[in-house]
C-alpha cells in the first residue's frame, strides 16, 4: 500500500493510493462509514500508533473493500489533481538523520566517515510533494539538495537488536535533506543548517515494507531542472537499515511515525566543480524505485 496525507477542500485528511488510478481513498471518510468497531483514526500517525493494537494495514484493506463494494466507491476517492500533498506523517519527534553514510558523498565533501554522524531536522521543516521551498536568500546563497531513502517506524521500541530491527519498520518514503551549506560549514552542529523552513520535503507516499522487499537495492536519482545530479543506489550505504535502527535505539526510544533519513549518495551541489547550489525557480525531483518521485520548487521570491 502507498499511504499519503493531503488537504482537500480546505480539510486535512489521509488516504491510500487507489490501484491503477491517480487518486486516493479518503480514509477518514472510508473509516467513518465502513470501520470495524470504533477504529476511526483521524490521521495516518493515529493509525500507526494503533497498529500495535490492531493491524492497521488489514483494517484499511477491509474498509476499502467495503467501500468498493458499496456501489458508491467514487464518493470516497479524491483525485491527485484536486489535493495538496502534505508530509505523509508528522512524527512526534524531530526527523532523525544520518550523514556520511555513503562513502562517495563523504569523499566529495572531504568528510571523514570513521565516526557516526547523526543529527535531527526539526519537525517544523517538514513539507510535502509539489510544495514551494523558500529560497532563504536572506541568510544563504548555498542552498543544497540531498535525495535520501526514509524509514518510517511502525512500533515503539528501544535497545532494538539488529536481528529484530526490520520488525519495527512500517514502510519507506523519500526525503530531500535540504541543507544550508554556509551554515553547515560555519557551525559545529547541523541542526540549524538542516532545519530551514521547507528544508525537509517528504513523500509523496509511505510505501509499506511488503511492497519494497529490497530497500537496500533501490536506485536514488535526483534531478535539478531535469539535469541528473545524483544517481546512486541504497546498496552503497555504509550502515544498513538494521544497523541504523539498532544504533539509534541504543540511545533514543523509537515510536510509530518516527522518520529516519538514511544518508545521501554522491552528486550534491556542494561537491561539484564549481559548486552548483539551488537557485530561485529551480525544480528538484528525487526518484526512488517503487516509491515514486518527490518534486519541489525553490521560491522565486
C-alpha atoms as a PDB file:
ATOM      1  CA  UNK A   1       0.000   0.000   0.000  1.00  0.00           C
ATOM      2  CA  UNK A   2       1.003   3.599  -0.591  1.00  0.00           C
ATOM      3  CA  UNK A   3      -0.176   5.929   2.179  1.00  0.00           C
ATOM      4  CA  UNK A   4      -0.356   9.708   1.912  1.00  0.00           C
ATOM      5  CA  UNK A   5      -1.706  12.754   3.724  1.00  0.00           C
ATOM      6  CA  UNK A   6      -3.333  15.659   1.953  1.00  0.00           C
ATOM      7  CA  UNK A   7      -5.503  18.768   2.058  1.00  0.00           C
ATOM      8  CA  UNK A   8      -8.744  18.743   0.064  1.00  0.00           C
ATOM      9  CA  UNK A   9     -11.449  21.425   0.094  1.00  0.00           C
ATOM     10  CA  UNK A  10      -9.625  23.128   2.982  1.00  0.00           C
ATOM     11  CA  UNK A  11      -9.808  19.956   5.079  1.00  0.00           C
ATOM     12  CA  UNK A  12      -6.838  17.760   6.007  1.00  0.00           C
ATOM     13  CA  UNK A  13      -7.123  14.015   5.622  1.00  0.00           C
ATOM     14  CA  UNK A  14      -5.092  10.956   4.757  1.00  0.00           C
ATOM     15  CA  UNK A  15      -5.501   8.029   2.462  1.00  0.00           C
ATOM     16  CA  UNK A  16      -4.115   5.161   0.486  1.00  0.00           C
ATOM     17  CA  UNK A  17      -3.451   5.252  -3.249  1.00  0.00           C
ATOM     18  CA  UNK A  18      -6.134   3.693  -5.427  1.00  0.00           C
ATOM     19  CA  UNK A  19      -4.658   0.890  -7.505  1.00  0.00           C
ATOM     20  CA  UNK A  20      -4.113   1.860 -11.143  1.00  0.00           C
ATOM     21  CA  UNK A  21      -5.544   5.349 -10.558  1.00  0.00           C
ATOM     22  CA  UNK A  22      -4.011   8.730  -9.797  1.00  0.00           C
ATOM     23  CA  UNK A  23      -6.310   9.081  -6.816  1.00  0.00           C
ATOM     24  CA  UNK A  24      -6.555   8.228  -3.137  1.00  0.00           C
ATOM     25  CA  UNK A  25      -9.138   6.608  -0.932  1.00  0.00           C
ATOM     26  CA  UNK A  26     -10.044   9.244   1.681  1.00  0.00           C
ATOM     27  CA  UNK A  27      -9.618   7.055   4.749  1.00  0.00           C
ATOM     28  CA  UNK A  28     -11.290   9.479   7.138  1.00  0.00           C
ATOM     29  CA  UNK A  29     -14.476   9.069   5.103  1.00  0.00           C
ATOM     30  CA  UNK A  30     -13.936   5.363   4.476  1.00  0.00           C
ATOM     31  CA  UNK A  31     -13.439   4.562   8.157  1.00  0.00           C
ATOM     32  CA  UNK A  32     -16.376   6.771   9.167  1.00  0.00           C
ATOM     33  CA  UNK A  33     -18.725   4.549   7.160  1.00  0.00           C
ATOM     34  CA  UNK A  34     -17.033   1.160   6.995  1.00  0.00           C
ATOM     35  CA  UNK A  35     -14.741   0.749  10.009  1.00  0.00           C
ATOM     36  CA  UNK A  36     -14.928  -2.296  12.217  1.00  0.00           C
ATOM     37  CA  UNK A  37     -15.989  -1.264  15.703  1.00  0.00           C
ATOM     38  CA  UNK A  38     -14.536   2.009  16.976  1.00  0.00           C
ATOM     39  CA  UNK A  39     -11.465   2.047  14.737  1.00  0.00           C
ATOM     40  CA  UNK A  40     -11.567   5.622  13.376  1.00  0.00           C
ATOM     41  CA  UNK A  41      -8.012   7.026  13.232  1.00  0.00           C
ATOM     42  CA  UNK A  42      -8.162  10.690  12.241  1.00  0.00           C
ATOM     43  CA  UNK A  43      -4.596  10.890  10.894  1.00  0.00           C
ATOM     44  CA  UNK A  44      -2.043   8.494   9.485  1.00  0.00           C
ATOM     45  CA  UNK A  45       0.001   8.921  12.671  1.00  0.00           C
ATOM     46  CA  UNK A  46      -3.050   7.845  14.725  1.00  0.00           C
ATOM     47  CA  UNK A  47      -3.360   4.765  12.534  1.00  0.00           C
ATOM     48  CA  UNK A  48       0.298   3.848  13.011  1.00  0.00           C
ATOM     49  CA  UNK A  49       0.009   4.392  16.752  1.00  0.00           C
ATOM     50  CA  UNK A  50      -2.933   1.987  16.903  1.00  0.00           C
ATOM     51  CA  UNK A  51      -1.081  -0.527  14.724  1.00  0.00           C
ATOM     52  CA  UNK A  52       0.269  -2.199  17.847  1.00  0.00           C
ATOM     53  CA  UNK A  53      -3.294  -2.949  18.993  1.00  0.00           C
ATOM     54  CA  UNK A  54      -4.934  -3.698  15.638  1.00  0.00           C
ATOM     55  CA  UNK A  55      -3.315  -4.476  12.306  1.00  0.00           C
ATOM     56  CA  UNK A  56      -3.706  -1.047  10.685  1.00  0.00           C
ATOM     57  CA  UNK A  57      -2.987  -2.298   7.178  1.00  0.00           C
ATOM     58  CA  UNK A  58      -5.599  -5.065   7.487  1.00  0.00           C
ATOM     59  CA  UNK A  59      -8.167  -2.614   8.841  1.00  0.00           C
ATOM     60  CA  UNK A  60      -7.514  -0.346   5.853  1.00  0.00           C
ATOM     61  CA  UNK A  61      -7.862  -3.252   3.444  1.00  0.00           C
ATOM     62  CA  UNK A  62     -11.191  -4.370   4.884  1.00  0.00           C
ATOM     63  CA  UNK A  63     -12.641  -0.852   4.943  1.00  0.00           C
ATOM     64  CA  UNK A  64     -11.547  -0.117   1.370  1.00  0.00           C
ATOM     65  CA  UNK A  65     -13.041  -3.396   0.116  1.00  0.00           C
ATOM     66  CA  UNK A  66     -16.323  -2.440   1.814  1.00  0.00           C
ATOM     67  CA  UNK A  67     -16.215   0.986   0.134  1.00  0.00           C
ATOM     68  CA  UNK A  68     -15.555  -0.625  -3.244  1.00  0.00           C
ATOM     69  CA  UNK A  69     -18.486  -2.987  -2.784  1.00  0.00           C
ATOM     70  CA  UNK A  70     -20.856  -0.292  -1.595  1.00  0.00           C
ATOM     71  CA  UNK A  71     -21.819   0.899  -5.058  1.00  0.00           C
ATOM     72  CA  UNK A  72     -20.692   4.415  -4.024  1.00  0.00           C
ATOM     73  CA  UNK A  73     -16.927   3.996  -4.393  1.00  0.00           C
ATOM     74  CA  UNK A  74     -16.392   7.314  -6.182  1.00  0.00           C
ATOM     75  CA  UNK A  75     -17.720   9.187  -3.152  1.00  0.00           C
ATOM     76  CA  UNK A  76     -14.692   8.014  -1.179  1.00  0.00           C
ATOM     77  CA  UNK A  77     -11.997   8.869  -3.721  1.00  0.00           C
ATOM     78  CA  UNK A  78     -10.113  12.120  -4.332  1.00  0.00           C
ATOM     79  CA  UNK A  79      -8.088  12.775  -7.476  1.00  0.00           C
ATOM     80  CA  UNK A  80      -4.452  13.759  -7.029  1.00  0.00           C
ATOM     81  CA  UNK A  81      -5.111  16.815  -9.204  1.00  0.00           C
ATOM     82  CA  UNK A  82      -7.581  18.069  -6.578  1.00  0.00           C
ATOM     83  CA  UNK A  83      -5.393  17.733  -3.486  1.00  0.00           C
ATOM     84  CA  UNK A  84      -2.403  19.375  -1.861  1.00  0.00           C
ATOM     85  CA  UNK A  85       0.097  16.749  -0.777  1.00  0.00           C
ATOM     86  CA  UNK A  86       1.240  17.051   2.835  1.00  0.00           C
ATOM     87  CA  UNK A  87       4.073  15.177   4.544  1.00  0.00           C
ATOM     88  CA  UNK A  88       2.684  11.625   4.764  1.00  0.00           C
ATOM     89  CA  UNK A  89       3.218  11.574   8.511  1.00  0.00           C
ATOM     90  CA  UNK A  90       4.401  14.157  11.021  1.00  0.00           C
ATOM     91  CA  UNK A  91       6.406  12.442  13.768  1.00  0.00           C
ATOM     92  CA  UNK A  92       6.030  13.460  17.382  1.00  0.00           C
ATOM     93  CA  UNK A  93       9.829  13.869  17.437  1.00  0.00           C
ATOM     94  CA  UNK A  94      12.244  15.503  15.028  1.00  0.00           C
ATOM     95  CA  UNK A  95      13.331  13.607  11.931  1.00  0.00           C
ATOM     96  CA  UNK A  96      16.475  11.603  12.765  1.00  0.00           C
ATOM     97  CA  UNK A  97      19.094  11.739  10.026  1.00  0.00           C
ATOM     98  CA  UNK A  98      22.379  10.031   9.276  1.00  0.00           C
ATOM     99  CA  UNK A  99      25.141  11.866   7.474  1.00  0.00           C
ATOM    100  CA  UNK A 100      28.219  10.485   5.735  1.00  0.00           C
ATOM    101  CA  UNK A 101      26.534   7.111   5.191  1.00  0.00           C
ATOM    102  CA  UNK A 102      27.692   6.902   1.558  1.00  0.00           C
ATOM    103  CA  UNK A 103      31.458   6.848   1.071  1.00  0.00           C
ATOM    104  CA  UNK A 104      31.436   8.723  -2.254  1.00  0.00           C
ATOM    105  CA  UNK A 105      29.300  11.527  -0.820  1.00  0.00           C
ATOM    106  CA  UNK A 106      31.553  11.881   2.219  1.00  0.00           C
ATOM    107  CA  UNK A 107      34.566  11.985  -0.083  1.00  0.00           C
ATOM    108  CA  UNK A 108      33.135  14.682  -2.361  1.00  0.00           C
ATOM    109  CA  UNK A 109      32.742  16.975   0.673  1.00  0.00           C
ATOM    110  CA  UNK A 110      36.060  15.914   2.242  1.00  0.00           C
ATOM    111  CA  UNK A 111      34.291  14.470   5.280  1.00  0.00           C
ATOM    112  CA  UNK A 112      35.557  11.653   7.470  1.00  0.00           C
ATOM    113  CA  UNK A 113      33.362   8.587   7.879  1.00  0.00           C
ATOM    114  CA  UNK A 114      35.095   6.938  10.816  1.00  0.00           C
ATOM    115  CA  UNK A 115      32.601   8.381  13.283  1.00  0.00           C
ATOM    116  CA  UNK A 116      28.842   8.043  13.415  1.00  0.00           C
ATOM    117  CA  UNK A 117      27.331  11.366  12.291  1.00  0.00           C
ATOM    118  CA  UNK A 118      23.730  11.819  13.436  1.00  0.00           C
ATOM    119  CA  UNK A 119      21.609  14.974  13.508  1.00  0.00           C
ATOM    120  CA  UNK A 120      17.940  15.897  13.602  1.00  0.00           C
ATOM    121  CA  UNK A 121      15.767  18.020  11.357  1.00  0.00           C
ATOM    122  CA  UNK A 122      13.048  19.992  13.132  1.00  0.00           C
ATOM    123  CA  UNK A 123       9.515  18.743  12.529  1.00  0.00           C
ATOM    124  CA  UNK A 124       8.675  22.347  11.560  1.00  0.00           C
ATOM    125  CA  UNK A 125      10.858  21.910   8.450  1.00  0.00           C
ATOM    126  CA  UNK A 126       8.579  19.199   7.025  1.00  0.00           C
ATOM    127  CA  UNK A 127       6.773  19.861   3.763  1.00  0.00           C
ATOM    128  CA  UNK A 128       5.067  17.748   1.131  1.00  0.00           C
ATOM    129  CA  UNK A 129       5.302  16.812  -2.517  1.00  0.00           C
ATOM    130  CA  UNK A 130       4.982  19.672  -5.035  1.00  0.00           C
ATOM    131  CA  UNK A 131       5.445  22.314  -2.340  1.00  0.00           C
ATOM    132  CA  UNK A 132       7.430  25.520  -2.828  1.00  0.00           C
ATOM    133  CA  UNK A 133      10.506  25.829  -0.602  1.00  0.00           C
ATOM    134  CA  UNK A 134      11.618  29.329   0.464  1.00  0.00           C
ATOM    135  CA  UNK A 135      14.888  30.298  -1.244  1.00  0.00           C
ATOM    136  CA  UNK A 136      16.310  31.635   2.055  1.00  0.00           C
ATOM    137  CA  UNK A 137      18.376  34.212   0.162  1.00  0.00           C
ATOM    138  CA  UNK A 138      18.305  36.420   3.267  1.00  0.00           C
ATOM    139  CA  UNK A 139      20.682  34.026   5.037  1.00  0.00           C
ATOM    140  CA  UNK A 140      22.440  31.917   2.408  1.00  0.00           C
ATOM    141  CA  UNK A 141      23.493  31.568  -1.201  1.00  0.00           C
ATOM    142  CA  UNK A 142      24.457  27.915  -0.670  1.00  0.00           C
ATOM    143  CA  UNK A 143      21.164  26.024  -0.572  1.00  0.00           C
ATOM    144  CA  UNK A 144      21.706  22.365  -1.483  1.00  0.00           C
ATOM    145  CA  UNK A 145      19.743  19.135  -2.039  1.00  0.00           C
ATOM    146  CA  UNK A 146      20.244  15.571  -0.784  1.00  0.00           C
ATOM    147  CA  UNK A 147      17.963  12.794  -2.042  1.00  0.00           C
ATOM    148  CA  UNK A 148      17.522  10.043   0.563  1.00  0.00           C
ATOM    149  CA  UNK A 149      15.584   6.919   1.443  1.00  0.00           C
ATOM    150  CA  UNK A 150      13.478   7.459   4.551  1.00  0.00           C
ATOM    151  CA  UNK A 151      12.499   4.754   7.045  1.00  0.00           C
ATOM    152  CA  UNK A 152       9.117   5.059   8.796  1.00  0.00           C
ATOM    153  CA  UNK A 153       8.874   3.307  12.158  1.00  0.00           C
ATOM    154  CA  UNK A 154       5.762   1.234  12.861  1.00  0.00           C
ATOM    155  CA  UNK A 155       6.014   0.330  16.541  1.00  0.00           C
ATOM    156  CA  UNK A 156       7.661   1.536  19.722  1.00  0.00           C
ATOM    157  CA  UNK A 157      10.967   0.163  20.894  1.00  0.00           C
ATOM    158  CA  UNK A 158      14.378   0.888  22.343  1.00  0.00           C
ATOM    159  CA  UNK A 159      17.636  -1.015  22.523  1.00  0.00           C
ATOM    160  CA  UNK A 160      16.451  -2.960  19.495  1.00  0.00           C
ATOM    161  CA  UNK A 161      18.818  -5.757  18.446  1.00  0.00           C
ATOM    162  CA  UNK A 162      19.919  -5.799  14.833  1.00  0.00           C
ATOM    163  CA  UNK A 163      18.231  -9.158  14.206  1.00  0.00           C
ATOM    164  CA  UNK A 164      14.812  -7.698  15.103  1.00  0.00           C
ATOM    165  CA  UNK A 165      15.251  -4.197  13.687  1.00  0.00           C
ATOM    166  CA  UNK A 166      13.269  -4.675  10.472  1.00  0.00           C
ATOM    167  CA  UNK A 167      10.249  -5.773  12.519  1.00  0.00           C
ATOM    168  CA  UNK A 168       9.989  -2.152  13.662  1.00  0.00           C
ATOM    169  CA  UNK A 169       9.805  -0.734  10.132  1.00  0.00           C
ATOM    170  CA  UNK A 170       6.361   0.136   8.780  1.00  0.00           C
ATOM    171  CA  UNK A 171       7.470   1.399   5.413  1.00  0.00           C
ATOM    172  CA  UNK A 172       9.676   3.688   3.364  1.00  0.00           C
ATOM    173  CA  UNK A 173       9.460   7.158   1.866  1.00  0.00           C
ATOM    174  CA  UNK A 174      11.552   9.745   0.018  1.00  0.00           C
ATOM    175  CA  UNK A 175      13.303  12.641   1.754  1.00  0.00           C
ATOM    176  CA  UNK A 176      15.118  15.646   0.316  1.00  0.00           C
ATOM    177  CA  UNK A 177      17.521  16.798   3.028  1.00  0.00           C
ATOM    178  CA  UNK A 178      17.683  20.475   2.025  1.00  0.00           C
ATOM    179  CA  UNK A 179      20.813  21.988   3.574  1.00  0.00           C
ATOM    180  CA  UNK A 180      22.342  25.429   4.028  1.00  0.00           C
ATOM    181  CA  UNK A 181      25.990  24.593   3.299  1.00  0.00           C
ATOM    182  CA  UNK A 182      27.133  28.013   4.510  1.00  0.00           C
ATOM    183  CA  UNK A 183      25.695  27.440   7.990  1.00  0.00           C
ATOM    184  CA  UNK A 184      26.773  23.797   7.975  1.00  0.00           C
ATOM    185  CA  UNK A 185      30.397  24.802   7.385  1.00  0.00           C
ATOM    186  CA  UNK A 186      30.328  27.658   9.899  1.00  0.00           C
ATOM    187  CA  UNK A 187      28.620  25.867  12.784  1.00  0.00           C
ATOM    188  CA  UNK A 188      29.702  22.968  14.981  1.00  0.00           C
ATOM    189  CA  UNK A 189      26.384  21.144  14.682  1.00  0.00           C
ATOM    190  CA  UNK A 190      23.989  20.550  11.797  1.00  0.00           C
ATOM    191  CA  UNK A 191      20.602  21.268  13.375  1.00  0.00           C
ATOM    192  CA  UNK A 192      20.163  24.838  12.117  1.00  0.00           C
ATOM    193  CA  UNK A 193      21.604  24.223   8.648  1.00  0.00           C
ATOM    194  CA  UNK A 194      19.267  21.241   8.211  1.00  0.00           C
ATOM    195  CA  UNK A 195      16.063  22.678   9.731  1.00  0.00           C
ATOM    196  CA  UNK A 196      15.196  25.595   7.469  1.00  0.00           C
ATOM    197  CA  UNK A 197      11.525  26.162   6.701  1.00  0.00           C
ATOM    198  CA  UNK A 198      10.710  23.738   3.903  1.00  0.00           C
ATOM    199  CA  UNK A 199      14.026  22.002   4.489  1.00  0.00           C
ATOM    200  CA  UNK A 200      12.560  18.522   4.831  1.00  0.00           C
ATOM    201  CA  UNK A 201      10.356  17.592   1.870  1.00  0.00           C
ATOM    202  CA  UNK A 202       8.916  14.106   2.421  1.00  0.00           C
ATOM    203  CA  UNK A 203       6.685  11.931   0.276  1.00  0.00           C
ATOM    204  CA  UNK A 204       4.722  11.690  -1.795  1.00  0.00           C
ATOM    205  CA  UNK A 205       3.931   8.356  -0.141  1.00  0.00           C
ATOM    206  CA  UNK A 206       4.881   5.925   2.562  1.00  0.00           C
ATOM    207  CA  UNK A 207       5.197   2.571   0.820  1.00  0.00           C
ATOM    208  CA  UNK A 208       4.589  -0.357   3.165  1.00  0.00           C
ATOM    209  CA  UNK A 209       7.566  -2.647   3.527  1.00  0.00           C
ATOM    210  CA  UNK A 210       5.801  -5.577   1.876  1.00  0.00           C
ATOM    211  CA  UNK A 211       5.804  -3.554  -1.366  1.00  0.00           C
ATOM    212  CA  UNK A 212       9.501  -2.678  -1.096  1.00  0.00           C
ATOM    213  CA  UNK A 213      11.118  -6.002  -0.128  1.00  0.00           C
ATOM    214  CA  UNK A 214      14.657  -4.943  -1.139  1.00  0.00           C
ATOM    215  CA  UNK A 215      15.067  -1.411   0.270  1.00  0.00           C
ATOM    216  CA  UNK A 216      18.851  -1.810   0.245  1.00  0.00           C
ATOM    217  CA  UNK A 217      18.879  -2.254  -3.515  1.00  0.00           C
ATOM    218  CA  UNK A 218      16.890   0.630  -4.971  1.00  0.00           C
ATOM    219  CA  UNK A 219      18.122   3.472  -7.145  1.00  0.00           C
ATOM    220  CA  UNK A 220      18.070   7.088  -5.952  1.00  0.00           C
ATOM    221  CA  UNK A 221      18.099   9.703  -8.713  1.00  0.00           C
ATOM    222  CA  UNK A 222      17.999  13.450  -8.042  1.00  0.00           C
ATOM    223  CA  UNK A 223      17.380  15.897 -10.867  1.00  0.00           C
ATOM    224  CA  UNK A 224      17.622  19.688 -10.809  1.00  0.00           C
ATOM    225  CA  UNK A 225      15.730  21.210 -13.722  1.00  0.00           C
ATOM    226  CA  UNK A 226      15.789  17.712 -15.299  1.00  0.00           C
ATOM    227  CA  UNK A 227      19.597  17.513 -15.082  1.00  0.00           C
ATOM    228  CA  UNK A 228      20.666  14.337 -13.287  1.00  0.00           C
ATOM    229  CA  UNK A 229      22.800  15.302 -10.290  1.00  0.00           C
ATOM    230  CA  UNK A 230      22.649  12.190  -8.096  1.00  0.00           C
ATOM    231  CA  UNK A 231      22.453   8.655  -9.467  1.00  0.00           C
ATOM    232  CA  UNK A 232      23.121   6.167  -6.671  1.00  0.00           C
ATOM    233  CA  UNK A 233      21.822   3.015  -5.069  1.00  0.00           C
ATOM    234  CA  UNK A 234      20.957   2.247  -1.456  1.00  0.00           C
ATOM    235  CA  UNK A 235      23.301  -0.719  -1.698  1.00  0.00           C
ATOM    236  CA  UNK A 236      26.095   1.846  -1.248  1.00  0.00           C
ATOM    237  CA  UNK A 237      25.028   2.662   2.337  1.00  0.00           C
ATOM    238  CA  UNK A 238      27.819   2.106   4.869  1.00  0.00           C
ATOM    239  CA  UNK A 239      25.450   1.326   7.752  1.00  0.00           C
ATOM    240  CA  UNK A 240      22.478  -0.743   6.638  1.00  0.00           C
ATOM    241  CA  UNK A 241      18.887  -0.249   7.763  1.00  0.00           C
ATOM    242  CA  UNK A 242      19.016  -2.755  10.615  1.00  0.00           C
ATOM    243  CA  UNK A 243      22.306  -1.261  11.835  1.00  0.00           C
ATOM    244  CA  UNK A 244      20.879   2.283  11.769  1.00  0.00           C
ATOM    245  CA  UNK A 245      17.864   1.261  13.839  1.00  0.00           C
ATOM    246  CA  UNK A 246      20.000  -0.697  16.281  1.00  0.00           C
ATOM    247  CA  UNK A 247      22.372   2.231  16.736  1.00  0.00           C
ATOM    248  CA  UNK A 248      19.692   4.898  17.215  1.00  0.00           C
ATOM    249  CA  UNK A 249      17.645   2.803  19.630  1.00  0.00           C
ATOM    250  CA  UNK A 250      20.625   2.314  21.939  1.00  0.00           C
ATOM    251  CA  UNK A 251      20.117   5.959  22.932  1.00  0.00           C
ATOM    252  CA  UNK A 252      16.665   7.088  21.768  1.00  0.00           C
ATOM    253  CA  UNK A 253      13.305   5.328  22.071  1.00  0.00           C
ATOM    254  CA  UNK A 254      11.594   4.994  18.702  1.00  0.00           C
ATOM    255  CA  UNK A 255       7.869   5.484  18.225  1.00  0.00           C
ATOM    256  CA  UNK A 256       5.318   4.892  15.449  1.00  0.00           C
ATOM    257  CA  UNK A 257       5.612   7.567  12.788  1.00  0.00           C
ATOM    258  CA  UNK A 258       9.251   8.391  13.513  1.00  0.00           C
ATOM    259  CA  UNK A 259      11.219   9.053  10.345  1.00  0.00           C
ATOM    260  CA  UNK A 260      14.867   8.153   9.824  1.00  0.00           C
ATOM    261  CA  UNK A 261      16.808   9.638   6.889  1.00  0.00           C
ATOM    262  CA  UNK A 262      19.466   7.150   5.801  1.00  0.00           C
ATOM    263  CA  UNK A 263      22.001   9.396   4.052  1.00  0.00           C
ATOM    264  CA  UNK A 264      22.604  10.556   0.502  1.00  0.00           C
ATOM    265  CA  UNK A 265      24.739   9.353  -2.417  1.00  0.00           C
ATOM    266  CA  UNK A 266      27.306  11.491  -4.233  1.00  0.00           C
ATOM    267  CA  UNK A 267      26.311  14.307  -6.551  1.00  0.00           C
ATOM    268  CA  UNK A 268      25.238  17.158  -4.273  1.00  0.00           C
ATOM    269  CA  UNK A 269      25.709  20.713  -5.472  1.00  0.00           C
ATOM    270  CA  UNK A 270      28.481  21.467  -2.986  1.00  0.00           C
ATOM    271  CA  UNK A 271      30.535  18.569  -4.357  1.00  0.00           C
ATOM    272  CA  UNK A 272      30.564  19.804  -7.953  1.00  0.00           C
ATOM    273  CA  UNK A 273      33.342  21.855  -9.576  1.00  0.00           C
ATOM    274  CA  UNK A 274      32.369  24.637  -9.470  1.00  0.00           C
ATOM    275  CA  UNK A 275      29.593  24.148  -6.894  1.00  0.00           C
ATOM    276  CA  UNK A 276      26.033  24.266  -8.223  1.00  0.00           C
ATOM    277  CA  UNK A 277      23.706  25.412  -5.467  1.00  0.00           C
ATOM    278  CA  UNK A 278      19.942  25.688  -5.769  1.00  0.00           C
ATOM    279  CA  UNK A 279      18.598  28.912  -7.252  1.00  0.00           C
ATOM    280  CA  UNK A 280      15.195  30.632  -7.159  1.00  0.00           C
ATOM    281  CA  UNK A 281      12.866  28.951  -9.628  1.00  0.00           C
ATOM    282  CA  UNK A 282      14.677  25.595  -9.629  1.00  0.00           C
ATOM    283  CA  UNK A 283      12.733  22.343  -9.745  1.00  0.00           C
ATOM    284  CA  UNK A 284      14.139  19.424  -7.739  1.00  0.00           C
ATOM    285  CA  UNK A 285      12.989  15.832  -8.227  1.00  0.00           C
ATOM    286  CA  UNK A 286      14.070  12.840  -6.158  1.00  0.00           C
ATOM    287  CA  UNK A 287      13.021   9.431  -7.500  1.00  0.00           C
ATOM    288  CA  UNK A 288      13.386   6.110  -5.698  1.00  0.00           C
ATOM    289  CA  UNK A 289      12.411   2.810  -7.284  1.00  0.00           C
ATOM    290  CA  UNK A 290       8.968   1.519  -6.280  1.00  0.00           C
ATOM    291  CA  UNK A 291       8.201   4.579  -4.137  1.00  0.00           C
ATOM    292  CA  UNK A 292       7.773   7.369  -6.665  1.00  0.00           C
ATOM    293  CA  UNK A 293       9.050  10.882  -7.274  1.00  0.00           C
ATOM    294  CA  UNK A 294       9.211  13.727  -4.746  1.00  0.00           C
ATOM    295  CA  UNK A 295       9.051  17.091  -6.541  1.00  0.00           C
ATOM    296  CA  UNK A 296       9.663  20.515  -5.034  1.00  0.00           C
ATOM    297  CA  UNK A 297      10.295  24.036  -6.264  1.00  0.00           C
ATOM    298  CA  UNK A 298      12.573  26.786  -4.941  1.00  0.00           C
ATOM    299  CA  UNK A 299      10.657  30.021  -4.478  1.00  0.00           C
ATOM    300  CA  UNK A 300      11.430  32.776  -6.963  1.00  0.00           C
ATOM    301  CA  UNK A 301      10.758  35.472  -4.361  1.00  0.00           C
END
